[in-house]
Structure formats: C-alpha cells, structure tokens
C-alpha cells in the first residue's frame, strides 16, 4: 500500500512538473514571436508603429551615455528615432536570444540585435497583461 501511494505521489509530481515545463516553453515561444514580429521588425523597417504592439505605454528605456550618466527614454521619444522613409534596405538585421526566463506573468529576456554597422545587447523586463506579452522596461548597451 505504501508503495502504491508513493508511486501515485511521484507520478502526480512528475505530471505537474511536465505540465509546468511545457507551459513555460509555450510562453517562451510566444515571447520570442512577439519580439521578432514587432521589436526586430521595427528595427528592420524603421517603423515606429510596430513598437506600439510590444512596448507597453508605460515602457522606459535606460542606458548610460558616454560619460556614464543614466539616460531614461520614454516610448514616444524612442519611437521618434525611427522613420520608415529613412530605412536602409542594405542593413541585414539579426536577433539572437541569449535567454528567456519566465516566472508566472513576468519574464526577463536578453537578446543581441545587430546589423553590419552596429549592435546592441538588450535586456527586457516583460509582463503578460490581458493575455499578451509586453516589454515594460529595457536596458541596453552598444556592443
């Protein structure tokens, strides 16, 4: 009887672990797709409207300038840097995912986004709000 209870307990724990792993894997794929479809493509097309689909309205971008001073940029200022009519079609953008760490409705993501001229390491804090993954904060540095 003890063996039966122990086996049942082990199977229940294993089932829950497997379900959690599968769910996290699905969420990671959703995050990756959202970043590629909107953030990556926003860079490729220099299209600020794509950022509206991934950057939360309260989004902030933090970086250090050349003197080491902390700079904070809001979403509208960031979007103003991108102009579709000034896109350089010669640039070949690449995005590499270093990690995606999901914990319930929060995620931490580290990527490298680059082209032939420059590249960045970006760290995102993301939240799943009303069933959709949003970047709420970004810190970044040039490679």
Protein backbone atom coordinates (compact mmCIF):
# COMPACT_ATOMS: atom_id res chain seq x y z
CA UNK A 1 0.00 0.00 0.00
CA UNK A 2 2.83 2.39 0.87
CA UNK A 3 4.47 1.65 -2.47
CA UNK A 4 1.24 2.38 -4.32
CA UNK A 5 0.84 5.72 -2.51
CA UNK A 6 4.48 6.60 -3.14
CA UNK A 7 4.19 5.72 -6.84
CA UNK A 8 0.99 7.76 -7.14
CA UNK A 9 2.64 10.72 -5.45
CA UNK A 10 5.70 10.51 -7.72
CA UNK A 11 3.50 10.33 -10.83
CA UNK A 12 1.49 13.34 -9.68
CA UNK A 13 4.63 15.40 -9.05
CA UNK A 14 6.16 14.33 -12.38
CA UNK A 15 2.94 15.22 -14.21
CA UNK A 16 2.83 18.68 -12.62
CA UNK A 17 6.49 19.30 -13.43
CA UNK A 18 6.00 18.25 -17.04
CA UNK A 19 2.92 20.48 -17.38
CA UNK A 20 4.86 23.44 -15.95
CA UNK A 21 7.79 22.87 -18.30
CA UNK A 22 5.53 22.59 -21.35
CA UNK A 23 3.62 25.76 -20.34
CA UNK A 24 6.87 27.72 -19.85
CA UNK A 25 8.11 26.51 -23.22
CA UNK A 26 4.89 27.73 -24.88
CA UNK A 27 5.22 31.13 -23.18
CA UNK A 28 8.86 31.42 -24.27
CA UNK A 29 7.81 30.79 -27.88
CA UNK A 30 5.08 33.46 -27.60
CA UNK A 31 7.63 35.94 -26.21
CA UNK A 32 10.14 35.13 -28.94
CA UNK A 33 7.49 35.55 -31.65
CA UNK A 34 6.30 38.88 -30.21
CA UNK A 35 9.86 40.22 -30.06
CA UNK A 36 10.67 39.07 -33.60
CA UNK A 37 7.37 40.26 -35.11
CA UNK A 38 7.37 43.70 -33.51
CA UNK A 39 10.71 44.70 -31.95
CA UNK A 40 13.03 43.08 -34.51
CA UNK A 41 10.83 44.09 -37.46
CA UNK A 42 10.53 47.61 -36.01
CA UNK A 43 14.30 47.88 -36.45
CA UNK A 44 14.33 46.21 -39.89
CA UNK A 45 11.60 48.50 -41.25
CA UNK A 46 12.39 51.51 -39.03
CA UNK A 47 8.65 51.52 -38.36
CA UNK A 48 7.60 53.07 -35.04
CA UNK A 49 4.06 51.67 -35.30
CA UNK A 50 5.43 48.16 -34.79
CA UNK A 51 6.72 49.18 -31.36
CA UNK A 52 3.17 50.04 -30.27
CA UNK A 53 2.43 46.31 -30.46
CA UNK A 54 5.17 45.27 -27.99
CA UNK A 55 6.23 48.29 -25.89
CA UNK A 56 3.81 48.96 -23.05
CA UNK A 57 2.55 52.56 -22.81
CA UNK A 58 4.48 52.94 -19.53
CA UNK A 59 7.65 51.47 -21.14
CA UNK A 60 11.02 53.05 -20.33
CA UNK A 61 14.48 52.59 -21.83
CA UNK A 62 17.53 53.04 -19.59
CA UNK A 63 21.15 53.34 -20.72
CA UNK A 64 24.42 55.02 -19.78
CA UNK A 65 25.78 57.72 -22.08
CA UNK A 66 29.47 58.05 -22.96
CA UNK A 67 30.16 59.86 -19.65
CA UNK A 68 28.38 57.18 -17.63
CA UNK A 69 25.27 59.30 -16.97
CA UNK A 70 21.98 57.41 -16.67
CA UNK A 71 19.62 58.32 -19.52
CA UNK A 72 15.92 57.41 -19.44
CA UNK A 73 13.85 57.47 -22.62
CA UNK A 74 10.05 57.19 -22.84
CA UNK A 75 8.17 55.32 -25.53
CA UNK A 76 7.20 58.33 -27.67
CA UNK A 77 10.77 59.69 -27.75
CA UNK A 78 12.12 56.24 -28.66
CA UNK A 79 9.58 55.86 -31.46
CA UNK A 80 10.53 59.29 -32.84
CA UNK A 81 14.00 57.92 -33.66
CA UNK A 82 12.51 55.57 -36.30
CA UNK A 83 11.30 56.74 -39.71
CA UNK A 84 10.15 54.26 -42.38
CA UNK A 85 11.11 56.65 -45.18
CA UNK A 86 14.73 56.63 -43.92
CA UNK A 87 15.11 52.85 -43.65
CA UNK A 88 18.33 51.45 -45.11
CA UNK A 89 17.38 48.30 -47.03
CA UNK A 90 21.09 47.35 -47.22
CA UNK A 91 21.17 46.62 -43.48
CA UNK A 92 20.84 42.96 -42.56
CA UNK A 93 19.40 42.79 -39.03
CA UNK A 94 19.95 39.73 -36.84
CA UNK A 95 18.47 38.98 -33.43
CA UNK A 96 19.92 36.32 -31.15
CA UNK A 97 18.19 35.20 -27.95
CA UNK A 98 20.54 34.51 -25.04
CA UNK A 99 17.79 33.61 -22.58
CA UNK A 100 14.13 33.91 -21.75
CA UNK A 101 13.26 33.36 -18.10
CA UNK A 102 9.53 33.08 -17.42
CA UNK A 103 8.03 33.24 -13.94
CA UNK A 104 4.24 33.28 -13.95
CA UNK A 105 3.22 36.53 -15.74
CA UNK A 106 6.75 38.03 -15.71
CA UNK A 107 9.72 37.39 -17.95
CA UNK A 108 13.34 38.50 -18.28
CA UNK A 109 14.84 38.37 -21.76
CA UNK A 110 18.35 39.02 -23.05
CA UNK A 111 18.95 39.47 -26.76
CA UNK A 112 21.55 40.76 -29.16
CA UNK A 113 20.26 42.80 -32.08
CA UNK A 114 22.74 43.89 -34.73
CA UNK A 115 23.45 44.74 -38.33
CA UNK A 116 26.67 45.39 -40.30
CA UNK A 117 27.17 48.83 -38.70
CA UNK A 118 26.38 48.36 -35.00
CA UNK A 119 24.82 46.09 -32.43
CA UNK A 120 23.24 46.16 -29.00
CA UNK A 121 22.73 43.85 -26.07
CA UNK A 122 19.19 44.43 -24.80
CA UNK A 123 17.70 43.25 -21.51
CA UNK A 124 13.91 43.31 -21.34
CA UNK A 125 11.55 43.03 -18.42
CA UNK A 126 8.26 41.77 -19.77
CA UNK A 127 4.79 41.20 -18.35
CA UNK A 128 1.85 39.22 -19.65
CA UNK A 129 -1.10 41.60 -19.38
CA UNK A 130 -4.57 40.52 -20.53
CA UNK A 131 -3.05 37.52 -22.30
CA UNK A 132 -0.39 39.49 -24.22
CA UNK A 133 3.35 39.85 -23.58
CA UNK A 134 4.58 43.45 -23.29
CA UNK A 135 8.08 44.87 -22.83
CA UNK A 136 7.78 47.19 -19.83
CA UNK A 137 11.46 48.12 -19.39
CA UNK A 138 14.62 47.91 -21.44
CA UNK A 139 18.25 48.41 -20.51
CA UNK A 140 20.82 48.26 -23.24
CA UNK A 141 24.41 48.83 -24.23
CA UNK A 142 26.23 49.04 -27.51
CA UNK A 143 28.44 46.13 -28.50
